[in-house]
Amino acid sequence: MKGAIYYSENESVRNRLFIDDLMKEAEQINIDLRLIVGDEQPDADVDFILFRDRNPALATKFEREGFRLCNRAEVNRIANDKLKSFELATLLGVAAVPTKKVQHINQIDTYPCVLKTVDGHGGQEVTLCTSAAQVEAFFTQFHDHTIIVQPYIESGARDIRVFMIGEEVIGAVKRTGNGSFKSNYTLGGSVEKYSLASWQEQEAKRIAKALNSDYIGIDFILLPDGRWLFNEIEDPVGARSLYTTHDFSVAGKLMGAIKERLSCKTLERFIKQPSLAKSGL
């Protein structure tokens, strides 16, 4: 089996350790895996592209050229638009942080509130606003972005990130912010292993199933009373917090799942085409 990993140039440097682990784990199960970066093109005969970029347009281009992407372009499109992610969770009956698109400061009449660009990530392009002046400053800074507003929800700066490979939960972590309402591990927050209740696991699986995703993270705000609210989907999701709190190789699980999924697709196609079976192809 032959595959490619795609990263932007900057992210290929920042994620070098994960890339190396992917390469090592792929080799152990006989997957010939090559890294492609920036404008590089995949070989025409690759069986899959592990797409590790926030770029729905490029993902769609690869799919139109006939490549099988993990995750597919539609996952990339929904996950990297916080409004679309909210709409999906609501459609699936998963309780979510109330979210709406805003185009003018006059549409905001309740403070404090949280403003975000729909395509920001890693805790960037997110601001807690307590006044109209702060809202105006955010609108000015991100005037060329689509902006959403959410109510500020007191959670002790805690959230849960659930890591999914296909419809399987492979791990979850609780993240707690450090002097900020943002809980992101990469922004200095703390992280610990978290055990999901069965109802939490089922909600995460419902989202992954609807997306038909290969590997995503799903973030939920943890409320003081034990309930949670869906917040956003991460694709591509970083695995630093999972490596820190769990004792398995995320890359190993991911490569194994991709090989199994593609092998099953090949077998299914083989069975459905008797002429191929008879010819021995």
C-alpha atoms as a PDB file:
ATOM      1  CA  MET A   1       0.000   0.000   0.000  1.00  0.00           C
ATOM      2  CA  LYS A   2       1.249   3.463  -0.880  1.00  0.00           C
ATOM      3  CA  GLY A   3       0.273   6.757   0.726  1.00  0.00           C
ATOM      4  CA  ALA A   4       1.189  10.404   1.154  1.00  0.00           C
ATOM      5  CA  ILE A   5       0.988  12.869   4.045  1.00  0.00           C
ATOM      6  CA  TYR A   6       0.230  16.446   3.067  1.00  0.00           C
ATOM      7  CA  TYR A   7       1.274  19.456   5.214  1.00  0.00           C
ATOM      8  CA  SER A   8       1.764  23.129   4.536  1.00  0.00           C
ATOM      9  CA  GLU A   9       5.424  24.162   4.728  1.00  0.00           C
ATOM     10  CA  ASN A  10       5.145  25.831   8.157  1.00  0.00           C
ATOM     11  CA  GLU A  11       3.125  23.025   9.709  1.00  0.00           C
ATOM     12  CA  SER A  12       5.486  20.377   8.350  1.00  0.00           C
ATOM     13  CA  VAL A  13       8.231  21.894  10.492  1.00  0.00           C
ATOM     14  CA  ARG A  14       6.084  22.322  13.606  1.00  0.00           C
ATOM     15  CA  ASN A  15       4.765  18.755  13.388  1.00  0.00           C
ATOM     16  CA  ARG A  16       8.016  16.979  12.540  1.00  0.00           C
ATOM     17  CA  LEU A  17       7.839  14.572  15.500  1.00  0.00           C
ATOM     18  CA  PHE A  18       4.349  13.402  14.544  1.00  0.00           C
ATOM     19  CA  ILE A  19       5.392  13.048  10.899  1.00  0.00           C
ATOM     20  CA  ASP A  20       8.363  10.905  11.930  1.00  0.00           C
ATOM     21  CA  ASP A  21       6.086   8.705  14.040  1.00  0.00           C
ATOM     22  CA  LEU A  22       3.659   8.314  11.126  1.00  0.00           C
ATOM     23  CA  MET A  23       6.517   7.281   8.849  1.00  0.00           C
ATOM     24  CA  LYS A  24       7.830   4.754  11.374  1.00  0.00           C
ATOM     25  CA  GLU A  25       4.431   3.208  12.075  1.00  0.00           C
ATOM     26  CA  ALA A  26       3.535   3.070   8.372  1.00  0.00           C
ATOM     27  CA  GLU A  27       6.754   1.206   7.565  1.00  0.00           C
ATOM     28  CA  GLN A  28       5.997  -1.402  10.223  1.00  0.00           C
ATOM     29  CA  ILE A  29       2.735  -2.365   8.480  1.00  0.00           C
ATOM     30  CA  ASN A  30       4.147  -2.181   4.945  1.00  0.00           C
ATOM     31  CA  ILE A  31       2.755   1.180   3.915  1.00  0.00           C
ATOM     32  CA  ASP A  32       5.094   3.192   1.700  1.00  0.00           C
ATOM     33  CA  LEU A  33       4.421   6.681   3.074  1.00  0.00           C
ATOM     34  CA  ARG A  34       5.837   9.877   1.576  1.00  0.00           C
ATOM     35  CA  LEU A  35       5.633  13.452   2.888  1.00  0.00           C
ATOM     36  CA  ILE A  36       4.466  16.111   0.425  1.00  0.00           C
ATOM     37  CA  VAL A  37       4.664  19.777   1.375  1.00  0.00           C
ATOM     38  CA  GLY A  38       3.330  23.029  -0.046  1.00  0.00           C
ATOM     39  CA  ASP A  39       3.071  22.858  -3.843  1.00  0.00           C
ATOM     40  CA  GLU A  40       4.422  19.318  -4.140  1.00  0.00           C
ATOM     41  CA  GLN A  41       2.129  16.849  -5.886  1.00  0.00           C
ATOM     42  CA  PRO A  42       1.353  13.300  -4.768  1.00  0.00           C
ATOM     43  CA  ASP A  43       2.338  10.377  -6.962  1.00  0.00           C
ATOM     44  CA  ALA A  44      -0.539   9.356  -9.208  1.00  0.00           C
ATOM     45  CA  ASP A  45      -0.636   5.823  -7.797  1.00  0.00           C
ATOM     46  CA  VAL A  46      -0.983   6.585  -4.072  1.00  0.00           C
ATOM     47  CA  ASP A  47      -3.837   4.757  -2.341  1.00  0.00           C
ATOM     48  CA  PHE A  48      -4.548   7.647   0.022  1.00  0.00           C
ATOM     49  CA  ILE A  49      -3.472  11.104   1.139  1.00  0.00           C
ATOM     50  CA  LEU A  50      -3.438  11.819   4.862  1.00  0.00           C
ATOM     51  CA  PHE A  51      -4.461  15.462   4.515  1.00  0.00           C
ATOM     52  CA  ARG A  52      -3.093  17.546   7.415  1.00  0.00           C
ATOM     53  CA  ASP A  53      -3.993  21.087   6.434  1.00  0.00           C
ATOM     54  CA  ARG A  54      -6.842  23.540   6.947  1.00  0.00           C
ATOM     55  CA  ASN A  55      -7.528  24.046   3.279  1.00  0.00           C
ATOM     56  CA  PRO A  56     -10.887  22.786   1.972  1.00  0.00           C
ATOM     57  CA  ALA A  57     -10.185  24.137  -1.524  1.00  0.00           C
ATOM     58  CA  LEU A  58      -6.980  22.113  -1.879  1.00  0.00           C
ATOM     59  CA  ALA A  59      -8.629  19.041  -0.372  1.00  0.00           C
ATOM     60  CA  THR A  60     -11.430  19.330  -2.939  1.00  0.00           C
ATOM     61  CA  LYS A  61      -8.866  19.708  -5.739  1.00  0.00           C
ATOM     62  CA  PHE A  62      -7.116  16.487  -4.689  1.00  0.00           C
ATOM     63  CA  GLU A  63     -10.433  14.634  -4.573  1.00  0.00           C
ATOM     64  CA  ARG A  64     -11.410  15.866  -8.031  1.00  0.00           C
ATOM     65  CA  GLU A  65      -8.106  14.487  -9.274  1.00  0.00           C
ATOM     66  CA  GLY A  66      -9.181  11.078  -7.995  1.00  0.00           C
ATOM     67  CA  PHE A  67      -7.268  10.824  -4.702  1.00  0.00           C
ATOM     68  CA  ARG A  68      -8.761   9.271  -1.572  1.00  0.00           C
ATOM     69  CA  LEU A  69      -8.297  11.737   1.307  1.00  0.00           C
ATOM     70  CA  CYS A  70      -8.158  11.045   5.034  1.00  0.00           C
ATOM     71  CA  ASN A  71     -10.056  13.182   6.090  1.00  0.00           C
ATOM     72  CA  ARG A  72     -12.221  13.827   3.071  1.00  0.00           C
ATOM     73  CA  ALA A  73     -12.710  17.401   1.819  1.00  0.00           C
ATOM     74  CA  GLU A  74     -16.212  17.718   3.276  1.00  0.00           C
ATOM     75  CA  VAL A  75     -14.876  17.015   6.780  1.00  0.00           C
ATOM     76  CA  ASN A  76     -12.225  19.687   6.263  1.00  0.00           C
ATOM     77  CA  ARG A  77     -14.868  22.148   5.075  1.00  0.00           C
ATOM     78  CA  ILE A  78     -17.224  21.639   8.028  1.00  0.00           C
ATOM     79  CA  ALA A  79     -14.575  21.304  10.753  1.00  0.00           C
ATOM     80  CA  ASN A  80     -12.837  24.510   9.702  1.00  0.00           C
ATOM     81  CA  ASP A  81     -16.027  26.546   9.827  1.00  0.00           C
ATOM     82  CA  LYS A  82     -17.262  26.976  13.399  1.00  0.00           C
ATOM     83  CA  LEU A  83     -20.721  28.012  12.264  1.00  0.00           C
ATOM     84  CA  LYS A  84     -21.166  24.933  10.071  1.00  0.00           C
ATOM     85  CA  SER A  85     -19.883  22.736  12.917  1.00  0.00           C
ATOM     86  CA  PHE A  86     -22.457  24.259  15.287  1.00  0.00           C
ATOM     87  CA  GLU A  87     -25.207  23.684  12.722  1.00  0.00           C
ATOM     88  CA  LEU A  88     -24.180  20.026  12.361  1.00  0.00           C
ATOM     89  CA  ALA A  89     -24.198  19.400  16.123  1.00  0.00           C
ATOM     90  CA  THR A  90     -27.608  21.072  16.446  1.00  0.00           C
ATOM     91  CA  LEU A  91     -28.991  18.974  13.591  1.00  0.00           C
ATOM     92  CA  LEU A  92     -27.759  15.838  15.361  1.00  0.00           C
ATOM     93  CA  GLY A  93     -29.407  16.828  18.643  1.00  0.00           C
ATOM     94  CA  VAL A  94     -26.125  17.423  20.490  1.00  0.00           C
ATOM     95  CA  ALA A  95     -26.302  20.328  22.955  1.00  0.00           C
ATOM     96  CA  ALA A  96     -23.989  23.080  21.702  1.00  0.00           C
ATOM     97  CA  VAL A  97     -22.772  26.536  22.632  1.00  0.00           C
ATOM     98  CA  PRO A  98     -25.292  28.959  21.045  1.00  0.00           C
ATOM     99  CA  THR A  99     -23.596  30.416  17.980  1.00  0.00           C
ATOM    100  CA  LYS A 100     -24.635  32.983  15.406  1.00  0.00           C
ATOM    101  CA  LYS A 101     -23.041  34.933  12.603  1.00  0.00           C
ATOM    102  CA  VAL A 102     -22.694  38.690  13.141  1.00  0.00           C
ATOM    103  CA  GLN A 103     -21.820  41.399  10.653  1.00  0.00           C
ATOM    104  CA  HIS A 104     -22.144  44.543  12.749  1.00  0.00           C
ATOM    105  CA  ILE A 105     -21.508  45.630  16.311  1.00  0.00           C
ATOM    106  CA  ASN A 106     -25.189  46.568  16.720  1.00  0.00           C
ATOM    107  CA  GLN A 107     -26.125  42.891  16.507  1.00  0.00           C
ATOM    108  CA  ILE A 108     -24.464  42.297  19.889  1.00  0.00           C
ATOM    109  CA  ASP A 109     -26.431  43.446  22.918  1.00  0.00           C
ATOM    110  CA  THR A 110     -25.322  41.072  25.693  1.00  0.00           C
ATOM    111  CA  TYR A 111     -21.975  41.122  27.513  1.00  0.00           C
ATOM    112  CA  PRO A 112     -19.701  39.402  28.207  1.00  0.00           C
ATOM    113  CA  CYS A 113     -19.575  37.564  24.904  1.00  0.00           C
ATOM    114  CA  VAL A 114     -17.002  35.614  22.924  1.00  0.00           C
ATOM    115  CA  LEU A 115     -16.152  36.628  19.365  1.00  0.00           C
ATOM    116  CA  LYS A 116     -14.450  34.247  16.961  1.00  0.00           C
ATOM    117  CA  THR A 117     -13.600  34.066  13.306  1.00  0.00           C
ATOM    118  CA  VAL A 118     -15.209  30.980  11.803  1.00  0.00           C
ATOM    119  CA  ASP A 119     -11.878  29.658  10.538  1.00  0.00           C
ATOM    120  CA  GLY A 120      -9.537  30.416  13.442  1.00  0.00           C
ATOM    121  CA  HIS A 121      -7.831  27.576  15.302  1.00  0.00           C
ATOM    122  CA  GLY A 122      -5.563  26.831  18.236  1.00  0.00           C
ATOM    123  CA  GLY A 123      -7.235  29.501  20.375  1.00  0.00           C
ATOM    124  CA  GLN A 124      -6.249  32.205  17.910  1.00  0.00           C
ATOM    125  CA  GLU A 125      -8.749  34.772  16.599  1.00  0.00           C
ATOM    126  CA  VAL A 126     -10.868  34.387  19.743  1.00  0.00           C
ATOM    127  CA  THR A 127     -11.613  37.222  22.165  1.00  0.00           C
ATOM    128  CA  LEU A 128     -13.683  37.576  25.325  1.00  0.00           C
ATOM    129  CA  CYS A 129     -15.427  40.943  25.051  1.00  0.00           C
ATOM    130  CA  THR A 130     -16.933  42.854  27.960  1.00  0.00           C
ATOM    131  CA  SER A 131     -17.609  46.118  26.145  1.00  0.00           C
ATOM    132  CA  ALA A 132     -18.653  47.520  22.789  1.00  0.00           C
ATOM    133  CA  ALA A 133     -15.170  48.988  22.381  1.00  0.00           C
ATOM    134  CA  GLN A 134     -13.609  45.506  22.496  1.00  0.00           C
ATOM    135  CA  VAL A 135     -16.154  44.228  19.985  1.00  0.00           C
ATOM    136  CA  GLU A 136     -15.384  47.123  17.654  1.00  0.00           C
ATOM    137  CA  ALA A 137     -11.657  46.425  17.919  1.00  0.00           C
ATOM    138  CA  PHE A 138     -12.240  42.757  17.007  1.00  0.00           C
ATOM    139  CA  PHE A 139     -14.388  43.723  14.017  1.00  0.00           C
ATOM    140  CA  THR A 140     -11.703  46.130  12.848  1.00  0.00           C
ATOM    141  CA  GLN A 141      -8.907  43.573  13.202  1.00  0.00           C
ATOM    142  CA  PHE A 142     -10.807  40.797  11.422  1.00  0.00           C
ATOM    143  CA  HIS A 143     -12.884  42.839   8.996  1.00  0.00           C
ATOM    144  CA  ASP A 144     -12.123  40.413   6.156  1.00  0.00           C
ATOM    145  CA  HIS A 145     -13.286  37.319   8.089  1.00  0.00           C
ATOM    146  CA  THR A 146     -16.683  35.839   8.849  1.00  0.00           C
ATOM    147  CA  ILE A 147     -17.321  36.448  12.564  1.00  0.00           C
ATOM    148  CA  ILE A 148     -19.496  34.566  15.027  1.00  0.00           C
ATOM    149  CA  VAL A 149     -20.613  35.440  18.541  1.00  0.00           C
ATOM    150  CA  GLN A 150     -21.203  33.104  21.459  1.00  0.00           C
ATOM    151  CA  PRO A 151     -22.303  33.816  25.024  1.00  0.00           C
ATOM    152  CA  TYR A 152     -19.559  33.600  27.631  1.00  0.00           C
ATOM    153  CA  ILE A 153     -20.161  30.374  29.549  1.00  0.00           C
ATOM    154  CA  GLU A 154     -18.482  29.930  32.920  1.00  0.00           C
ATOM    155  CA  SER A 155     -16.673  26.608  32.845  1.00  0.00           C
ATOM    156  CA  GLY A 156     -13.559  27.222  34.890  1.00  0.00           C
ATOM    157  CA  ALA A 157     -11.690  27.370  31.567  1.00  0.00           C
ATOM    158  CA  ARG A 158     -12.164  23.602  31.232  1.00  0.00           C
ATOM    159  CA  ASP A 159     -13.023  21.620  28.154  1.00  0.00           C
ATOM    160  CA  ILE A 160     -12.869  18.046  26.910  1.00  0.00           C
ATOM    161  CA  ARG A 161     -11.222  17.051  23.653  1.00  0.00           C
ATOM    162  CA  VAL A 162     -12.336  13.675  22.334  1.00  0.00           C
ATOM    163  CA  PHE A 163     -10.082  11.997  19.769  1.00  0.00           C
ATOM    164  CA  MET A 164     -11.852   9.868  17.181  1.00  0.00           C
ATOM    165  CA  ILE A 165     -10.484   7.444  14.604  1.00  0.00           C
ATOM    166  CA  GLY A 166     -13.460   6.577  12.463  1.00  0.00           C
ATOM    167  CA  GLU A 167     -16.307   6.008  14.905  1.00  0.00           C
ATOM    168  CA  GLU A 168     -13.994   4.801  17.687  1.00  0.00           C
ATOM    169  CA  VAL A 169     -12.997   6.955  20.654  1.00  0.00           C
ATOM    170  CA  ILE A 170      -9.258   6.404  21.087  1.00  0.00           C
ATOM    171  CA  GLY A 171      -8.859   8.804  24.012  1.00  0.00           C
ATOM    172  CA  ALA A 172     -10.042  11.988  25.671  1.00  0.00           C
ATOM    173  CA  VAL A 173      -8.306  14.735  27.615  1.00  0.00           C
ATOM    174  CA  LYS A 174      -9.486  17.465  29.951  1.00  0.00           C
ATOM    175  CA  ARG A 175      -7.809  20.799  29.255  1.00  0.00           C
ATOM    176  CA  THR A 176      -7.728  23.634  31.781  1.00  0.00           C
ATOM    177  CA  GLY A 177      -6.691  27.173  30.922  1.00  0.00           C
ATOM    178  CA  ASN A 178      -3.847  28.928  32.712  1.00  0.00           C
ATOM    179  CA  GLY A 179      -4.970  32.458  33.578  1.00  0.00           C
ATOM    180  CA  SER A 180      -7.231  32.598  30.516  1.00  0.00           C
ATOM    181  CA  PHE A 181     -10.718  31.499  29.530  1.00  0.00           C
ATOM    182  CA  LYS A 182      -9.029  29.558  26.709  1.00  0.00           C
ATOM    183  CA  SER A 183      -8.153  25.971  27.588  1.00  0.00           C
ATOM    184  CA  ASN A 184      -5.784  25.211  24.690  1.00  0.00           C
ATOM    185  CA  TYR A 185      -2.809  23.046  25.656  1.00  0.00           C
ATOM    186  CA  THR A 186      -0.590  24.870  23.145  1.00  0.00           C
ATOM    187  CA  LEU A 187      -1.379  28.178  24.886  1.00  0.00           C
ATOM    188  CA  GLY A 188      -0.028  26.989  28.237  1.00  0.00           C
ATOM    189  CA  GLY A 189      -3.053  25.193  29.659  1.00  0.00           C
ATOM    190  CA  SER A 190      -2.756  21.960  31.614  1.00  0.00           C
ATOM    191  CA  VAL A 191      -4.000  18.599  30.398  1.00  0.00           C
ATOM    192  CA  GLU A 192      -5.026  15.328  31.994  1.00  0.00           C
ATOM    193  CA  LYS A 193      -6.521  12.042  30.876  1.00  0.00           C
ATOM    194  CA  TYR A 194     -10.323  12.013  30.962  1.00  0.00           C
ATOM    195  CA  SER A 195     -12.699   9.052  31.085  1.00  0.00           C
ATOM    196  CA  LEU A 196     -15.908   9.576  29.163  1.00  0.00           C
ATOM    197  CA  ALA A 197     -19.322   8.574  30.431  1.00  0.00           C
ATOM    198  CA  SER A 198     -21.249   6.344  28.042  1.00  0.00           C
ATOM    199  CA  TRP A 199     -23.581   9.189  27.010  1.00  0.00           C
ATOM    200  CA  GLN A 200     -20.581  11.404  26.213  1.00  0.00           C
ATOM    201  CA  GLU A 201     -19.017   8.677  24.102  1.00  0.00           C
ATOM    202  CA  GLN A 202     -22.261   8.207  22.191  1.00  0.00           C
ATOM    203  CA  GLU A 203     -22.529  11.928  21.380  1.00  0.00           C
ATOM    204  CA  ALA A 204     -18.955  12.021  20.071  1.00  0.00           C
ATOM    205  CA  LYS A 205     -19.603   8.920  17.966  1.00  0.00           C
ATOM    206  CA  ARG A 206     -22.766  10.486  16.553  1.00  0.00           C
ATOM    207  CA  ILE A 207     -20.783  13.442  15.229  1.00  0.00           C
ATOM    208  CA  ALA A 208     -17.970  11.317  13.778  1.00  0.00           C
ATOM    209  CA  LYS A 209     -20.465   8.993  12.102  1.00  0.00           C
ATOM    210  CA  ALA A 210     -22.343  11.892  10.497  1.00  0.00           C
ATOM    211  CA  LEU A 211     -19.069  13.316   9.165  1.00  0.00           C
ATOM    212  CA  ASN A 212     -17.743   9.943   7.990  1.00  0.00           C
ATOM    213  CA  SER A 213     -14.374  11.127   9.263  1.00  0.00           C
ATOM    214  CA  ASP A 214     -11.087   9.249   9.585  1.00  0.00           C
ATOM    215  CA  TYR A 215      -9.366  11.196  12.380  1.00  0.00           C
ATOM    216  CA  ILE A 216     -10.743  14.244  14.199  1.00  0.00           C
ATOM    217  CA  GLY A 217     -10.889  15.911  17.585  1.00  0.00           C
ATOM    218  CA  ILE A 218     -14.189  17.118  19.014  1.00  0.00           C
ATOM    219  CA  ASP A 219     -14.183  19.795  21.715  1.00  0.00           C
ATOM    220  CA  PHE A 220     -16.839  20.170  24.402  1.00  0.00           C
ATOM    221  CA  ILE A 221     -17.037  22.848  27.113  1.00  0.00           C
ATOM    222  CA  LEU A 222     -17.311  21.146  30.498  1.00  0.00           C
ATOM    223  CA  LEU A 223     -19.942  22.744  32.719  1.00  0.00           C
ATOM    224  CA  PRO A 224     -19.755  22.844  36.545  1.00  0.00           C
ATOM    225  CA  ASP A 225     -22.771  20.522  36.871  1.00  0.00           C
ATOM    226  CA  GLY A 226     -21.135  17.777  34.774  1.00  0.00           C
ATOM    227  CA  ARG A 227     -22.974  18.478  31.536  1.00  0.00           C
ATOM    228  CA  TRP A 228     -21.092  19.551  28.428  1.00  0.00           C
ATOM    229  CA  LEU A 229     -21.732  21.653  25.337  1.00  0.00           C
ATOM    230  CA  PHE A 230     -20.300  20.983  21.897  1.00  0.00           C
ATOM    231  CA  ASN A 231     -17.898  23.755  20.913  1.00  0.00           C
ATOM    232  CA  GLU A 232     -15.982  22.827  17.752  1.00  0.00           C
ATOM    233  CA  ILE A 233     -14.353  20.134  15.594  1.00  0.00           C
ATOM    234  CA  GLU A 234     -10.620  20.003  14.890  1.00  0.00           C
ATOM    235  CA  ASP A 235      -9.338  18.797  11.512  1.00  0.00           C
ATOM    236  CA  PRO A 236      -6.447  18.389  11.379  1.00  0.00           C
ATOM    237  CA  VAL A 237      -6.311  17.684  15.089  1.00  0.00           C
ATOM    238  CA  GLY A 238      -2.998  17.848  16.928  1.00  0.00           C
ATOM    239  CA  ALA A 239      -2.084  14.895  19.136  1.00  0.00           C
ATOM    240  CA  ARG A 240       0.357  16.453  21.635  1.00  0.00           C
ATOM    241  CA  SER A 241      -2.065  16.262  24.557  1.00  0.00           C
ATOM    242  CA  LEU A 242      -2.953  12.657  23.704  1.00  0.00           C
ATOM    243  CA  TYR A 243       0.705  11.585  23.591  1.00  0.00           C
ATOM    244  CA  THR A 244       1.220  13.333  26.940  1.00  0.00           C
ATOM    245  CA  THR A 245      -1.628  11.549  28.718  1.00  0.00           C
ATOM    246  CA  HIS A 246      -1.815   8.139  27.012  1.00  0.00           C
ATOM    247  CA  ASP A 247       0.724   5.365  26.493  1.00  0.00           C
ATOM    248  CA  PHE A 248       0.153   4.414  22.844  1.00  0.00           C
ATOM    249  CA  SER A 249       1.236   5.769  19.482  1.00  0.00           C
ATOM    250  CA  VAL A 250      -1.549   7.820  17.915  1.00  0.00           C
ATOM    251  CA  ALA A 251       0.248   7.468  14.591  1.00  0.00           C
ATOM    252  CA  GLY A 252       0.243   3.690  14.952  1.00  0.00           C
ATOM    253  CA  LYS A 253      -3.499   3.543  15.590  1.00  0.00           C
ATOM    254  CA  LEU A 254      -4.176   5.922  12.712  1.00  0.00           C
ATOM    255  CA  MET A 255      -2.023   4.083  10.172  1.00  0.00           C
ATOM    256  CA  GLY A 256      -3.521   0.754  11.199  1.00  0.00           C
ATOM    257  CA  ALA A 257      -7.064   2.088  10.859  1.00  0.00           C
ATOM    258  CA  ILE A 258      -6.386   3.592   7.429  1.00  0.00           C
ATOM    259  CA  LYS A 259      -4.895   0.330   6.161  1.00  0.00           C
ATOM    260  CA  GLU A 260      -7.818  -1.704   7.513  1.00  0.00           C
ATOM    261  CA  ARG A 261     -10.415   0.683   6.083  1.00  0.00           C
ATOM    262  CA  LEU A 262      -8.858   0.788   2.625  1.00  0.00           C
ATOM    263  CA  SER A 263      -8.293  -2.977   2.581  1.00  0.00           C
ATOM    264  CA  CYS A 264     -11.969  -3.537   3.385  1.00  0.00           C
ATOM    265  CA  LYS A 265     -12.985  -1.189   0.555  1.00  0.00           C
ATOM    266  CA  THR A 266     -10.760  -3.069  -1.880  1.00  0.00           C
ATOM    267  CA  LEU A 267     -12.177  -6.437  -0.794  1.00  0.00           C
ATOM    268  CA  GLU A 268     -15.742  -5.117  -1.052  1.00  0.00           C
ATOM    269  CA  ARG A 269     -15.094  -3.878  -4.593  1.00  0.00           C
ATOM    270  CA  PHE A 270     -13.489  -7.228  -5.482  1.00  0.00           C
ATOM    271  CA  ILE A 271     -16.504  -9.203  -4.241  1.00  0.00           C
ATOM    272  CA  LYS A 272     -18.980  -6.973  -6.050  1.00  0.00           C
ATOM    273  CA  GLN A 273     -17.199  -7.484  -9.387  1.00  0.00           C
ATOM    274  CA  PRO A 274     -17.268 -11.247 -10.157  1.00  0.00           C
ATOM    275  CA  SER A 275     -15.374 -10.731 -13.399  1.00  0.00           C
ATOM    276  CA  LEU A 276     -12.359  -9.515 -11.405  1.00  0.00           C
ATOM    277  CA  ALA A 277     -12.609 -12.435  -9.019  1.00  0.00           C
ATOM    278  CA  LYS A 278     -12.714 -14.951 -11.871  1.00  0.00           C
ATOM    279  CA  SER A 279      -9.740 -13.379 -13.616  1.00  0.00           C
ATOM    280  CA  GLY A 280      -7.674 -13.459 -10.441  1.00  0.00           C
ATOM    281  CA  LEU A 281      -7.005  -9.690 -10.629  1.00  0.00           C
END
